[in-house]
Amino acid sequence: MDTSDLFTSCKRGDVFRVRYLVEQRDVELNVRDKWDSTPLYYACLCGHDELVRYLLANGAKCEVNTFDGERCLYGALSDTIRRLLKEYKQITSKGMQRDYYDDFLQRLLEQGYQSDIGFIVHDETFCAHRCILSARSAYFAEMFDTKWKGKKLVALKHPLINPAAFGSILQYLYTGRLDIDVEYVEDCKRLAKQCRLQDLIDALEDKCKKVYEFVSSKPGTCVTVLTIEPLDNGRLQEDLAILADCALPAELRSFFCGRSDYFKALLEDHFCESSELQAQPSIPVVTLHNISEEIFIRVLYYIYSDDTELSPENAYDVLCVADMYLLPGLKRLCGRSLAQMLDEDTVIHIWKVAKLFQLTRLEDQCTEYMAKIIEKLVDSEEFAGAVKEDAEAVEERQETDSIPLIDDIRFHITSNVQTYSAIEEANQKLDSLEHLLAKIGLDC
């Protein structure tokens, strides 16, 4: 059903539905229908440029001089889509993932969601989060431990502190980028120096030099906004990962509620799961059961920095927790980690895990691996049991109805078979599958 839904959504140009299917249902993007068409082809054919961009960023295949690439290019409804297809390698799924996380941080700043500190700068109020400011600036960390300790509202009355410059500094601390009018650059540099942001000072000086040279060489030209793009997203991610080590309980709210609907429900007390500390009534206390400290730390790092360290030993346990806490991005990270563990002994177990947690991409990787070693698997009782279970799972299955696991393996066996020797090898694999089905009394 998910695959059919994906094709329909691509024809309609429903980006939100496609995003849901890809990010939460983990549907494979390069699946084909009975006309050998992909979701990307339909998005191109129907002229949905925003959707085409999203599909390319998340792994849709469209290489030059290939059947899929040429077909999408030929069928593209607009020049915009053709340009996207020709330039698609400039967009990466990793970059798109960072965009989602940066957008979360930007919204956190703009909306002030679950903010725990406010600044008043010459009658203008800014809402912020101690944890982010402390992780990104040694100055703010020091002030929160000393002069501003325990305060929920800080008034900055110094005449040299400009509200526009202060807002830009906050933007930089949250997102790693900065937008500011050229006339406020000196104010911004002064604040950056106070906050010990040497990388920002260097970027401002370099950018301003070029802007001023442009203005002086072009009399009458009006240059208003100076933009500093992120200097190093990796650095920003590392700084925010520090939160996993230093954040206080009250500071968890903004990230936990913003990243997980599960924690949002708990911490906003929809299910009355939280209790209040007597000494600090503003801090909710949530008791989490059946999770070790090691696994929770892995989840914590993901919530704060959009990444975490996974190993063969903890990937499955983290996956279980990610599913329970409604963290689809973390589930995908676990799926990628499990995919690296595929071998003859583990492939069936990992396939069952992928089915259980609806990791469609991992499930497809498992069946592709099974297709490569099917002549060994047909002698395995574990594999025969998996085939039987999959057949029984088909509701009201008739004797000759197909079995999803067998269909997927057959697809991978026969796909991209071009040479005579490859055809012979594929036929041998298909014969071995037929012998197994006959042996266990299944016909499909």
Protein backbone atom coordinates (compact mmCIF):
# COMPACT_ATOMS: atom_id res chain seq x y z
CA MET A 1 0.00 0.00 0.00
CA ASP A 2 2.82 2.41 0.83
CA THR A 3 4.38 1.93 -2.61
CA SER A 4 1.07 2.58 -4.38
CA ASP A 5 0.56 5.64 -2.16
CA LEU A 6 4.02 6.92 -3.13
CA PHE A 7 3.28 6.73 -6.87
CA THR A 8 -0.10 8.44 -6.43
CA SER A 9 1.40 11.20 -4.29
CA CYS A 10 4.15 11.83 -6.83
CA LYS A 11 1.61 12.19 -9.62
CA ARG A 12 -0.32 14.70 -7.52
CA GLY A 13 2.78 16.55 -6.37
CA ASP A 14 1.93 16.03 -2.70
CA VAL A 15 5.33 16.83 -1.16
CA PHE A 16 4.11 16.49 2.42
CA ARG A 17 2.69 13.01 1.82
CA VAL A 18 5.85 11.88 -0.01
CA ARG A 19 7.98 13.25 2.82
CA TYR A 20 5.88 11.30 5.33
CA LEU A 21 6.21 8.08 3.33
CA VAL A 22 9.98 8.49 2.91
CA GLU A 23 10.90 9.77 6.36
CA GLN A 24 8.45 7.93 8.59
CA ARG A 25 7.45 4.89 6.56
CA ASP A 26 10.93 4.58 4.99
CA VAL A 27 9.52 3.73 1.55
CA GLU A 28 12.10 2.92 -1.14
CA LEU A 29 12.29 5.81 -3.62
CA ASN A 30 13.58 3.84 -6.60
CA VAL A 31 10.79 1.28 -6.70
CA ARG A 32 9.19 0.60 -10.13
CA ASP A 33 5.62 0.04 -11.16
CA LYS A 34 4.37 -2.38 -13.83
CA TRP A 35 5.31 0.13 -16.55
CA ASP A 36 8.90 0.23 -15.27
CA SER A 37 8.43 3.83 -14.12
CA THR A 38 9.82 5.36 -10.93
CA PRO A 39 8.29 7.97 -8.59
CA LEU A 40 10.80 10.52 -9.89
CA TYR A 41 9.63 9.97 -13.48
CA TYR A 42 6.03 10.79 -12.56
CA ALA A 43 7.08 13.88 -10.59
CA CYS A 44 9.03 15.10 -13.64
CA LEU A 45 6.26 14.24 -16.08
CA CYS A 46 3.62 16.06 -14.01
CA GLY A 47 5.79 19.16 -13.50
CA HIS A 48 6.22 19.13 -9.72
CA ASP A 49 9.61 20.83 -9.39
CA GLU A 50 9.63 21.06 -5.57
CA LEU A 51 8.91 17.36 -5.34
CA VAL A 52 11.60 16.55 -7.93
CA ARG A 53 14.13 18.46 -5.84
CA TYR A 54 13.11 16.54 -2.73
CA LEU A 55 13.29 13.14 -4.45
CA LEU A 56 16.74 13.86 -5.89
CA ALA A 57 18.00 15.02 -2.49
CA ASN A 58 16.84 11.81 -0.87
CA GLY A 59 18.41 9.31 -3.24
CA ALA A 60 16.24 9.05 -6.35
CA LYS A 61 18.44 7.74 -9.18
CA CYS A 62 18.83 9.91 -12.26
CA GLU A 63 22.35 9.42 -13.62
CA VAL A 64 23.26 10.88 -17.00
CA ASN A 65 23.25 8.44 -19.95
CA THR A 66 21.10 5.89 -18.15
CA PHE A 67 17.57 4.76 -19.00
CA ASP A 68 16.07 6.46 -15.93
CA GLY A 69 18.07 9.65 -16.37
CA GLU A 70 17.24 10.10 -20.05
CA ARG A 71 13.61 9.16 -19.56
CA CYS A 72 13.12 11.70 -16.74
CA LEU A 73 14.89 14.40 -18.73
CA TYR A 74 12.83 13.71 -21.86
CA GLY A 75 9.55 13.61 -19.92
CA ALA A 76 10.23 16.71 -17.79
CA LEU A 77 7.37 19.19 -18.10
CA SER A 78 9.41 22.36 -17.49
CA ASP A 79 12.88 23.83 -17.97
CA THR A 80 13.15 24.22 -14.18
CA ILE A 81 12.90 20.46 -13.76
CA ARG A 82 15.40 19.85 -16.55
CA ARG A 83 17.91 22.11 -14.79
CA LEU A 84 17.31 20.25 -11.52
CA LEU A 85 17.95 16.92 -13.24
CA LYS A 86 21.16 18.17 -14.82
CA GLU A 87 22.44 19.67 -11.57
CA TYR A 88 21.06 17.13 -9.12
CA LYS A 89 24.44 15.93 -7.81
CA GLN A 90 24.86 19.33 -6.20
CA ILE A 91 22.03 18.36 -3.85
CA THR A 92 22.78 15.59 -1.37
CA SER A 93 20.61 13.74 1.11
CA LYS A 94 23.08 14.63 3.86
CA GLY A 95 22.76 18.28 2.96
CA MET A 96 18.99 18.02 2.95
CA GLN A 97 19.07 16.34 6.35
CA ARG A 98 21.14 19.23 7.69
CA ASP A 99 18.60 21.66 6.20
CA TYR A 100 15.80 20.02 8.21
CA TYR A 101 17.80 20.24 11.41
CA ASP A 102 18.85 23.85 10.74
CA ASP A 103 15.20 24.68 10.06
CA PHE A 104 14.30 23.18 13.46
CA LEU A 105 16.87 25.44 15.16
CA GLN A 106 15.68 28.48 13.22
CA ARG A 107 12.07 27.83 14.29
CA LEU A 108 13.22 27.30 17.86
CA LEU A 109 14.73 30.78 17.83
CA GLU A 110 11.91 32.55 15.98
CA GLN A 111 9.05 31.00 17.94
CA GLY A 112 10.77 30.96 21.33
CA TYR A 113 9.27 27.51 21.98
CA GLN A 114 10.03 26.30 25.53
CA SER A 115 12.50 29.18 26.00
CA ASP A 116 13.95 29.53 29.50
CA ILE A 117 15.73 32.88 29.28
CA GLY A 118 14.71 36.30 27.97
CA PHE A 119 16.80 39.34 27.09
CA ILE A 120 15.54 42.93 27.04
CA VAL A 121 17.69 45.14 24.83
CA HIS A 122 16.45 48.72 24.80
CA ASP A 123 12.77 47.76 25.12
CA GLU A 124 13.06 44.90 22.60
CA THR A 125 12.63 41.37 23.99
CA PHE A 126 14.42 38.24 22.74
CA CYS A 127 13.52 34.71 23.87
CA ALA A 128 16.31 32.13 23.94
CA HIS A 129 17.50 28.83 25.41
CA ARG A 130 20.32 28.64 27.94
CA CYS A 131 21.53 25.28 26.70
CA ILE A 132 22.19 26.48 23.15
CA LEU A 133 23.83 29.74 24.19
CA SER A 134 26.04 27.94 26.74
CA ALA A 135 27.15 25.31 24.23
CA ARG A 136 27.99 27.86 21.53
CA SER A 137 29.53 30.67 23.62
CA ALA A 138 31.92 30.48 26.57
CA TYR A 139 30.80 33.99 27.52
CA PHE A 140 27.13 33.01 27.89
CA ALA A 141 28.08 29.81 29.76
CA GLU A 142 30.11 31.86 32.23
CA MET A 143 27.39 34.49 32.72
CA PHE A 144 24.69 31.88 33.33
CA ASP A 145 26.86 30.43 36.10
CA THR A 146 27.63 33.79 37.68
CA LYS A 147 25.93 37.14 37.12
CA TRP A 148 22.80 35.77 35.42
CA LYS A 149 22.46 32.62 37.52
CA GLY A 150 18.83 31.86 38.36
CA LYS A 151 17.51 34.76 36.28
CA LYS A 152 14.73 34.27 33.74
CA LEU A 153 14.96 37.80 32.34
CA VAL A 154 18.15 39.76 31.67
CA ALA A 155 18.14 43.47 30.85
CA LEU A 156 21.03 44.64 28.65
CA LYS A 157 21.09 48.43 29.03
CA HIS A 158 24.54 49.34 27.70
CA PRO A 159 24.08 52.08 25.06
CA LEU A 160 26.49 50.33 22.63
CA ILE A 161 24.39 47.15 22.49
CA ASN A 162 22.23 47.38 19.38
CA PRO A 163 19.04 45.23 19.32
CA ALA A 164 19.50 44.36 15.63
CA ALA A 165 23.09 43.26 16.24
CA PHE A 166 22.07 41.23 19.30
CA GLY A 167 19.34 39.47 17.30
CA SER A 168 21.86 38.62 14.59
CA ILE A 169 24.27 37.19 17.16
CA LEU A 170 21.47 34.95 18.46
CA GLN A 171 20.76 33.84 14.89
CA TYR A 172 24.41 32.91 14.46
CA LEU A 173 24.52 30.98 17.74
CA TYR A 174 21.46 28.95 16.74
CA THR A 175 22.00 28.35 13.03
CA GLY A 176 25.63 29.19 12.24
CA ARG A 177 24.57 31.89 9.77
CA LEU A 178 23.97 35.61 10.14
CA ASP A 179 21.98 38.32 8.33
CA ILE A 180 22.57 41.96 9.26
CA ASP A 181 22.41 45.43 7.75
CA VAL A 182 25.85 46.72 6.81
CA GLU A 183 25.36 49.76 9.06
CA TYR A 184 25.20 47.47 12.12
CA VAL A 185 28.31 45.42 11.31
CA GLU A 186 30.55 47.24 13.78
CA ASP A 187 27.97 46.73 16.54
CA CYS A 188 27.83 43.05 15.64
CA LYS A 189 31.63 42.71 15.67
CA ARG A 190 31.72 44.33 19.10
CA LEU A 191 29.17 41.83 20.45
CA ALA A 192 30.93 38.91 18.75
CA LYS A 193 34.14 39.92 20.50
CA GLN A 194 32.29 40.07 23.84
CA CYS A 195 30.84 36.59 23.21
CA ARG A 196 34.28 35.26 22.16
CA LEU A 197 33.15 34.26 18.66
CA GLN A 198 36.43 34.67 16.81
CA ASP A 199 35.28 32.71 13.75
CA LEU A 200 32.38 35.13 13.29
CA ILE A 201 34.67 38.17 13.72
CA ASP A 202 37.00 36.83 11.02
CA ALA A 203 34.09 36.15 8.66
CA LEU A 204 32.62 39.61 9.23
CA GLU A 205 35.91 41.36 8.56
CA ASP A 206 36.49 39.38 5.37
CA LYS A 207 32.96 39.89 4.08
CA CYS A 208 32.83 43.57 5.00
CA LYS A 209 36.07 44.30 3.19
CA LYS A 210 34.59 42.91 -0.02
CA VAL A 211 31.28 44.74 0.49
CA TYR A 212 32.94 48.09 1.17
CA GLU A 213 35.19 47.69 -1.86
CA PHE A 214 32.08 47.04 -3.95
CA VAL A 215 30.27 50.10 -2.54
CA SER A 216 33.25 52.41 -3.08
CA SER A 217 33.75 51.24 -6.65
CA LYS A 218 30.06 51.64 -7.50
CA PRO A 219 28.93 55.10 -6.31
CA GLY A 220 25.25 55.28 -5.57
CA THR A 221 24.89 51.52 -5.12
CA CYS A 222 22.86 50.59 -2.04
CA VAL A 223 23.98 47.43 -0.26
CA THR A 224 21.81 46.79 2.77
CA VAL A 225 22.00 43.25 4.07
CA LEU A 226 25.21 41.37 4.78
CA THR A 227 24.85 37.57 4.92
CA ILE A 228 27.33 35.23 6.56
CA GLU A 229 26.65 31.64 5.51
CA PRO A 230 27.45 28.81 7.96
CA LEU A 231 31.21 28.57 8.29
CA ASP A 232 31.23 24.94 9.38
CA ASN A 233 28.05 22.99 10.02
CA GLY A 234 30.11 20.19 11.49
CA ARG A 235 31.47 22.58 14.11
CA LEU A 236 27.97 23.77 14.96
CA GLN A 237 26.86 20.16 15.30
CA GLU A 238 29.77 19.39 17.63
CA ASP A 239 28.99 22.43 19.77
CA LEU A 240 25.36 21.40 20.10
CA ALA A 241 26.38 17.83 20.95
CA ILE A 242 27.97 19.28 24.08
CA LEU A 243 24.41 19.80 25.30
CA ALA A 244 24.13 16.06 25.86
CA ASP A 245 26.80 16.39 28.53
CA CYS A 246 25.94 19.69 30.18
CA ALA A 247 22.23 20.46 29.85
CA LEU A 248 20.05 20.73 32.95
CA PRO A 249 16.62 19.04 33.17
CA ALA A 250 14.64 22.23 32.44
CA GLU A 251 16.77 22.82 29.37
CA LEU A 252 15.77 19.50 27.82
CA ARG A 253 12.27 20.69 27.01
CA SER A 254 12.88 22.69 23.84
CA PHE A 255 14.82 19.94 22.08
CA PHE A 256 12.85 16.98 23.36
CA CYS A 257 9.45 18.54 22.65
CA GLY A 258 10.56 19.95 19.31
CA ARG A 259 12.11 16.71 18.06
CA SER A 260 9.75 14.07 19.45
CA ASP A 261 5.95 14.05 19.64
CA TYR A 262 6.25 11.41 22.36
CA PHE A 263 8.20 13.70 24.68
CA LYS A 264 6.07 16.66 23.68
CA ALA A 265 3.02 14.80 24.96
CA LEU A 266 4.80 13.82 28.18
CA LEU A 267 6.41 17.15 28.99
CA GLU A 268 3.35 19.18 28.11
CA ASP A 269 1.45 16.86 30.44
CA HIS A 270 -1.16 15.66 27.94
CA PHE A 271 -1.10 12.19 29.48
CA CYS A 272 -0.40 13.35 33.07
CA GLU A 273 2.78 11.30 33.07
CA SER A 274 4.97 13.99 34.67
CA SER A 275 5.22 14.92 38.32
CA GLU A 276 6.45 18.18 39.84
CA LEU A 277 9.44 18.61 42.10
CA GLN A 278 8.44 20.35 45.31
CA ALA A 279 11.56 22.52 45.46
CA GLN A 280 11.40 23.48 41.78
CA PRO A 281 7.78 23.30 40.63
CA SER A 282 8.65 24.49 37.10
CA ILE A 283 10.77 21.42 36.31
CA PRO A 284 8.82 18.36 35.13
CA VAL A 285 10.22 14.97 36.07
CA VAL A 286 9.54 12.08 33.71
CA THR A 287 10.48 8.52 34.61
CA LEU A 288 11.56 6.42 31.62
CA HIS A 289 11.31 2.67 32.05
CA ASN A 290 13.19 -0.20 30.38
CA ILE A 291 16.01 1.87 28.94
CA SER A 292 19.66 1.77 29.96
CA GLU A 293 21.79 4.85 30.52
CA GLU A 294 24.02 3.92 27.56
CA ILE A 295 21.09 3.71 25.13
CA PHE A 296 19.50 6.89 26.45
CA ILE A 297 22.77 8.77 25.89
CA ARG A 298 22.71 7.68 22.24
CA VAL A 299 19.15 9.03 21.94
CA LEU A 300 20.15 12.21 23.74
CA TYR A 301 22.98 12.90 21.32
CA TYR A 302 20.65 12.39 18.36
CA ILE A 303 18.00 14.75 19.72
CA TYR A 304 20.57 17.47 20.30
CA SER A 305 22.92 17.10 17.34
CA ASP A 306 20.94 15.10 14.71
CA ASP A 307 23.56 12.35 14.83
CA THR A 308 24.79 9.67 17.21
CA GLU A 309 27.31 6.85 17.44
CA LEU A 310 25.90 3.41 16.76
CA SER A 311 27.58 0.02 16.95
CA PRO A 312 26.55 -3.57 16.12
CA GLU A 313 26.00 -4.07 19.84
CA ASN A 314 23.57 -1.19 20.42
CA ALA A 315 21.89 -0.53 17.04
CA TYR A 316 18.90 -2.80 17.70
CA ASP A 317 18.29 -1.48 21.22
CA VAL A 318 18.49 2.12 19.98
CA LEU A 319 16.07 1.23 17.17
CA CYS A 320 13.50 -0.07 19.67
CA VAL A 321 13.75 3.12 21.71
CA ALA A 322 13.64 5.33 18.58
CA ASP A 323 10.42 3.61 17.50
CA MET A 324 8.86 4.04 20.94
CA TYR A 325 9.88 7.71 21.22
CA LEU A 326 8.69 8.56 17.67
CA LEU A 327 12.09 9.50 16.23
CA PRO A 328 11.94 8.41 12.55
CA GLY A 329 15.29 10.02 11.73
CA LEU A 330 17.01 7.98 14.41
CA LYS A 331 15.26 4.84 13.12
CA ARG A 332 16.78 5.48 9.70
CA LEU A 333 20.23 5.88 11.25
CA CYS A 334 19.76 2.53 12.99
CA GLY A 335 18.61 0.99 9.69
CA ARG A 336 21.79 2.16 7.97
CA SER A 337 23.88 0.72 10.79
CA LEU A 338 22.09 -2.63 10.60
CA ALA A 339 22.54 -2.72 6.82
CA GLN A 340 26.31 -2.72 7.35
CA MET A 341 25.96 -5.91 9.40
CA LEU A 342 24.33 -7.98 6.64
CA ASP A 343 25.86 -11.41 6.07
CA GLU A 344 24.68 -14.94 5.53
CA ASP A 345 24.04 -15.51 9.24
CA THR A 346 22.25 -12.24 10.04
CA VAL A 347 20.27 -11.34 6.91
CA ILE A 348 17.06 -13.17 7.88
CA HIS A 349 17.01 -11.74 11.39
CA ILE A 350 17.66 -8.20 10.11
CA TRP A 351 14.93 -8.65 7.48
CA LYS A 352 12.46 -9.54 10.25
CA VAL A 353 13.59 -6.46 12.21
CA ALA A 354 13.08 -4.28 9.12
CA LYS A 355 9.57 -5.69 8.66
CA LEU A 356 8.71 -5.19 12.33
CA PHE A 357 9.83 -1.55 12.42
CA GLN A 358 8.65 -0.72 8.88
CA LEU A 359 12.14 0.12 7.61
CA THR A 360 11.29 -0.42 3.96
CA ARG A 361 14.72 0.55 2.63
CA LEU A 362 16.48 -1.86 4.98
CA GLU A 363 13.97 -4.57 4.06
CA ASP A 364 14.80 -4.05 0.39
CA GLN A 365 18.53 -4.21 1.12
CA CYS A 366 17.97 -7.52 2.91
CA THR A 367 16.02 -9.10 0.05
CA GLU A 368 18.65 -7.87 -2.42
CA TYR A 369 21.32 -9.58 -0.32
CA MET A 370 19.19 -12.72 -0.09
CA ALA A 371 18.96 -12.78 -3.90
CA LYS A 372 22.76 -12.86 -4.13
CA ILE A 373 23.10 -15.87 -1.82
CA ILE A 374 19.76 -17.59 -2.42
CA GLU A 375 21.34 -20.94 -3.38
CA LYS A 376 22.80 -21.12 0.14
CA LEU A 377 19.66 -19.84 1.86
CA VAL A 378 17.31 -22.44 0.36
CA ASP A 379 18.97 -25.11 2.53
CA SER A 380 18.38 -23.08 5.68
CA GLU A 381 15.48 -23.97 7.98
CA GLU A 382 15.43 -20.38 9.19
CA PHE A 383 14.85 -19.10 5.66
CA ALA A 384 12.13 -21.69 5.00
CA GLY A 385 10.44 -20.61 8.24
CA ALA A 386 10.61 -16.95 7.18
CA VAL A 387 8.95 -17.80 3.85
CA LYS A 388 6.16 -19.70 5.62
CA GLU A 389 5.57 -16.85 8.08
CA ASP A 390 5.41 -14.32 5.25
CA ALA A 391 2.93 -16.50 3.37
CA GLU A 392 0.74 -16.85 6.47
CA ALA A 393 0.81 -13.06 6.97
CA VAL A 394 -0.99 -12.53 3.64
CA GLU A 395 -4.60 -12.12 4.65
CA GLU A 396 -6.94 -14.69 3.07
CA ARG A 397 -4.10 -16.02 0.93
CA GLN A 398 -5.06 -18.57 -1.70
CA GLU A 399 -2.71 -21.43 -2.64
CA THR A 400 -1.34 -19.69 -5.73
CA ASP A 401 -1.17 -16.17 -4.33
CA SER A 402 2.24 -14.51 -4.28
CA ILE A 403 4.44 -14.25 -1.21
CA PRO A 404 5.96 -10.76 -0.73
CA LEU A 405 9.38 -12.07 0.36
CA ILE A 406 9.60 -14.41 -2.64
CA ASP A 407 8.41 -11.66 -5.02
CA ASP A 408 11.08 -9.25 -3.77
CA ILE A 409 13.85 -11.84 -4.09
CA ARG A 410 12.71 -12.75 -7.61
CA PHE A 411 12.75 -9.07 -8.55
CA HIS A 412 16.35 -8.65 -7.41
CA ILE A 413 17.41 -11.88 -9.12
CA THR A 414 16.02 -10.78 -12.47
CA SER A 415 16.80 -7.05 -12.36
CA ASN A 416 19.68 -5.76 -14.48
CA VAL A 417 20.25 -9.18 -16.09
CA GLN A 418 21.70 -8.53 -19.54
CA THR A 419 24.39 -11.05 -20.50
CA TYR A 420 23.78 -14.72 -21.37
CA SER A 421 25.83 -15.96 -18.42
CA ALA A 422 23.88 -13.67 -16.06
CA ILE A 423 20.60 -15.02 -17.43
CA GLU A 424 21.79 -18.59 -16.81
CA GLU A 425 22.80 -17.72 -13.25
CA ALA A 426 19.44 -16.01 -12.61
CA ASN A 427 17.55 -19.05 -13.90
CA GLN A 428 19.51 -21.33 -11.56
CA LYS A 429 18.61 -19.12 -8.61
CA LEU A 430 14.96 -19.04 -9.59
CA ASP A 431 14.94 -22.85 -9.93
CA SER A 432 16.38 -23.22 -6.44
CA LEU A 433 13.58 -21.01 -5.12
CA GLU A 434 10.96 -23.14 -6.88
CA HIS A 435 12.43 -26.32 -5.39
CA LEU A 436 12.20 -24.78 -1.90
CA LEU A 437 8.58 -23.73 -2.40
CA ALA A 438 7.66 -27.21 -3.60
CA LYS A 439 9.50 -28.77 -0.65
CA ILE A 440 7.57 -26.70 1.95
CA GLY A 441 4.24 -27.08 0.14
CA LEU A 442 3.83 -23.55 -1.18
CA ASP A 443 3.00 -22.60 -4.75
CA CYS A 444 3.22 -18.99 -5.91
